[in-house]
C-alpha atoms as a PDB file:
ATOM      1  CA  MET A   1       0.069  -0.126  -0.247  1.00  0.00           C
ATOM      2  CA  LYS A   2       1.248   3.253  -0.617  1.00  0.00           C
ATOM      3  CA  VAL A   3       0.536   6.393   2.094  1.00  0.00           C
ATOM      4  CA  ILE A   4      -0.521   9.438   0.386  1.00  0.00           C
ATOM      5  CA  ASP A   5       0.875  10.918   3.787  1.00  0.00           C
ATOM      6  CA  SER A   6       3.509   9.821   4.578  1.00  0.00           C
ATOM      7  CA  ALA A   7       4.689  13.438   7.146  1.00  0.00           C
ATOM      8  CA  GLY A   8       1.166  12.678   8.516  1.00  0.00           C
ATOM      9  CA  LEU A   9       2.957   8.423   8.985  1.00  0.00           C
ATOM     10  CA  GLN A  10       6.066   9.738   9.413  1.00  0.00           C
ATOM     11  CA  ILE A  11       4.899  11.610  13.178  1.00  0.00           C
ATOM     12  CA  VAL A  12       2.240   9.107  13.839  1.00  0.00           C
ATOM     13  CA  SER A  13       5.551   6.343  13.916  1.00  0.00           C
ATOM     14  CA  LYS A  14       7.918   8.595  15.732  1.00  0.00           C
ATOM     15  CA  ILE A  15       4.720   8.707  19.205  1.00  0.00           C
ATOM     16  CA  ILE A  16       4.546   5.599  18.828  1.00  0.00           C
ATOM     17  CA  LYS A  17       8.078   5.314  19.542  1.00  0.00           C
ATOM     18  CA  GLU A  18       8.566   7.412  22.074  1.00  0.00           C
ATOM     19  CA  SER A  19       6.064   5.969  23.917  1.00  0.00           C
ATOM     20  CA  ILE A  20       6.216   2.134  23.892  1.00  0.00           C
ATOM     21  CA  SER A  21       9.221  -0.364  22.246  1.00  0.00           C
ATOM     22  CA  THR A  22       9.082  -1.630  19.416  1.00  0.00           C
ATOM     23  CA  LYS A  23      10.045  -3.505  16.565  1.00  0.00           C
ATOM     24  CA  LYS A  24       7.681  -3.581  13.397  1.00  0.00           C
ATOM     25  CA  ILE A  25       5.512  -0.769  12.905  1.00  0.00           C
ATOM     26  CA  HIS A  26       2.718  -1.763   9.300  1.00  0.00           C
ATOM     27  CA  CYS A  27       0.543   1.136   8.597  1.00  0.00           C
ATOM     28  CA  PHE A  28      -1.641  -1.244   5.868  1.00  0.00           C
ATOM     29  CA  LEU A  29      -4.737   1.237   6.173  1.00  0.00           C
ATOM     30  CA  GLU A  30      -5.311   5.267   5.440  1.00  0.00           C
ATOM     31  CA  ARG A  31      -8.673   7.108   5.111  1.00  0.00           C
ATOM     32  CA  ARG A  32      -8.228  10.801   4.979  1.00  0.00           C
ATOM     33  CA  GLU A  33     -10.390  13.626   5.180  1.00  0.00           C
ATOM     34  CA  ILE A  34     -11.146  17.891   4.161  1.00  0.00           C
ATOM     35  CA  LYS A  35     -13.535  18.785   5.452  1.00  0.00           C
ATOM     36  CA  ASN A  36     -14.787  22.410   4.538  1.00  0.00           C
ATOM     37  CA  ILE A  37     -15.152  24.906   7.733  1.00  0.00           C
ATOM     38  CA  LYS A  38     -17.353  28.060   6.582  1.00  0.00           C
ATOM     39  CA  ASN A  39     -16.662  31.102   9.334  1.00  0.00           C
ATOM     40  CA  PRO A  40     -19.545  33.985   9.399  1.00  0.00           C
ATOM     41  CA  SER A  41     -17.459  36.560  11.517  1.00  0.00           C
ATOM     42  CA  SER A  42     -15.145  36.410   8.210  1.00  0.00           C
ATOM     43  CA  HIS A  43     -17.873  37.115   5.196  1.00  0.00           C
ATOM     44  CA  ASP A  44     -17.923  33.553   4.291  1.00  0.00           C
ATOM     45  CA  MET A  45     -14.722  32.608   4.103  1.00  0.00           C
ATOM     46  CA  GLU A  46     -14.266  29.139   3.732  1.00  0.00           C
ATOM     47  CA  SER A  47     -11.520  27.205   5.442  1.00  0.00           C
ATOM     48  CA  TYR A  48      -9.943  23.867   5.621  1.00  0.00           C
ATOM     49  CA  ALA A  49      -9.541  21.466   8.383  1.00  0.00           C
ATOM     50  CA  GLU A  50      -7.869  17.710   7.286  1.00  0.00           C
ATOM     51  CA  HIS A  51      -7.920  15.191   9.200  1.00  0.00           C
ATOM     52  CA  THR A  52      -5.882  11.371   8.824  1.00  0.00           C
ATOM     53  CA  HIS A  53      -7.267   8.461  10.113  1.00  0.00           C
ATOM     54  CA  PHE A  54      -4.310   5.369  10.452  1.00  0.00           C
ATOM     55  CA  HIS A  55      -4.825   1.236  10.691  1.00  0.00           C
ATOM     56  CA  ILE A  56      -1.190   0.320  11.900  1.00  0.00           C
ATOM     57  CA  LEU A  57       0.061  -2.724  13.593  1.00  0.00           C
ATOM     58  CA  VAL A  58       2.303  -2.849  15.980  1.00  0.00           C
ATOM     59  CA  LEU A  59       4.829  -5.216  17.206  1.00  0.00           C
ATOM     60  CA  THR A  60       6.996  -5.365  20.479  1.00  0.00           C
ATOM     61  CA  ASP A  61       7.550  -6.665  23.406  1.00  0.00           C
ATOM     62  CA  GLU A  62       5.931  -4.187  25.775  1.00  0.00           C
ATOM     63  CA  TYR A  63       2.006  -5.269  26.110  1.00  0.00           C
ATOM     64  CA  THR A  64      -0.244  -3.590  28.756  1.00  0.00           C
ATOM     65  CA  ALA A  65      -3.295  -3.506  28.475  1.00  0.00           C
ATOM     66  CA  HIS A  66      -5.598  -0.858  27.265  1.00  0.00           C
ATOM     67  CA  ALA A  67      -1.674   0.354  25.606  1.00  0.00           C
ATOM     68  CA  ALA A  68      -3.335   0.740  21.781  1.00  0.00           C
ATOM     69  CA  THR A  69      -6.001   2.651  23.156  1.00  0.00           C
ATOM     70  CA  LYS A  70      -3.668   5.014  24.890  1.00  0.00           C
ATOM     71  CA  LEU A  71      -1.684   5.747  21.932  1.00  0.00           C
ATOM     72  CA  ASN A  72      -4.836   7.093  20.250  1.00  0.00           C
ATOM     73  CA  THR A  73      -5.011   9.588  22.578  1.00  0.00           C
ATOM     74  CA  ILE A  74      -1.592  10.168  22.744  1.00  0.00           C
ATOM     75  CA  ILE A  75      -1.721  10.499  18.324  1.00  0.00           C
ATOM     76  CA  LYS A  76      -4.915  12.689  18.783  1.00  0.00           C
ATOM     77  CA  THR A  77      -3.087  15.282  22.115  1.00  0.00           C
ATOM     78  CA  LYS A  78      -0.014  16.062  20.582  1.00  0.00           C
ATOM     79  CA  THR A  79      -0.882  16.207  16.519  1.00  0.00           C
ATOM     80  CA  LYS A  80      -4.220  18.334  18.147  1.00  0.00           C
ATOM     81  CA  GLY A  81      -7.389  16.381  16.536  1.00  0.00           C
ATOM     82  CA  ARG A  82      -4.833  16.299  12.835  1.00  0.00           C
ATOM     83  CA  TYR A  83      -3.760  12.044  13.100  1.00  0.00           C
ATOM     84  CA  SER A  84      -5.398   9.166  14.517  1.00  0.00           C
ATOM     85  CA  ALA A  85      -5.161   5.808  14.623  1.00  0.00           C
ATOM     86  CA  THR A  86      -6.585   2.349  15.507  1.00  0.00           C
ATOM     87  CA  ILE A  87      -3.051   0.516  16.924  1.00  0.00           C
ATOM     88  CA  LEU A  88      -3.489  -2.968  17.110  1.00  0.00           C
ATOM     89  CA  LEU A  89      -0.322  -4.483  19.877  1.00  0.00           C
ATOM     90  CA  TYR A  90       1.431  -8.082  18.439  1.00  0.00           C
ATOM     91  CA  PRO A  91       3.480  -8.652  21.599  1.00  0.00           C
ATOM     92  CA  ILE A  92       6.295 -11.051  20.106  1.00  0.00           C
END
């Protein structure tokens, strides 16, 4: 699979690597959304909000309960909602 938002995947991968011990990170799906937002106070100027959601498999030797959910929360917080991820942790 070719990732469209490779810069975003690098950011998400870096956050995952900083949070847990990883052996390998593999992105197998990406979903991008771009929403138009009208700002009524700026004479109907439109702006765009982008969001990318990744589906990622992480091979790790440091598995803990609810770690995938915590990682997703960390990713959303550090990227201010720009990125999110469904993370599958597989202990090796």
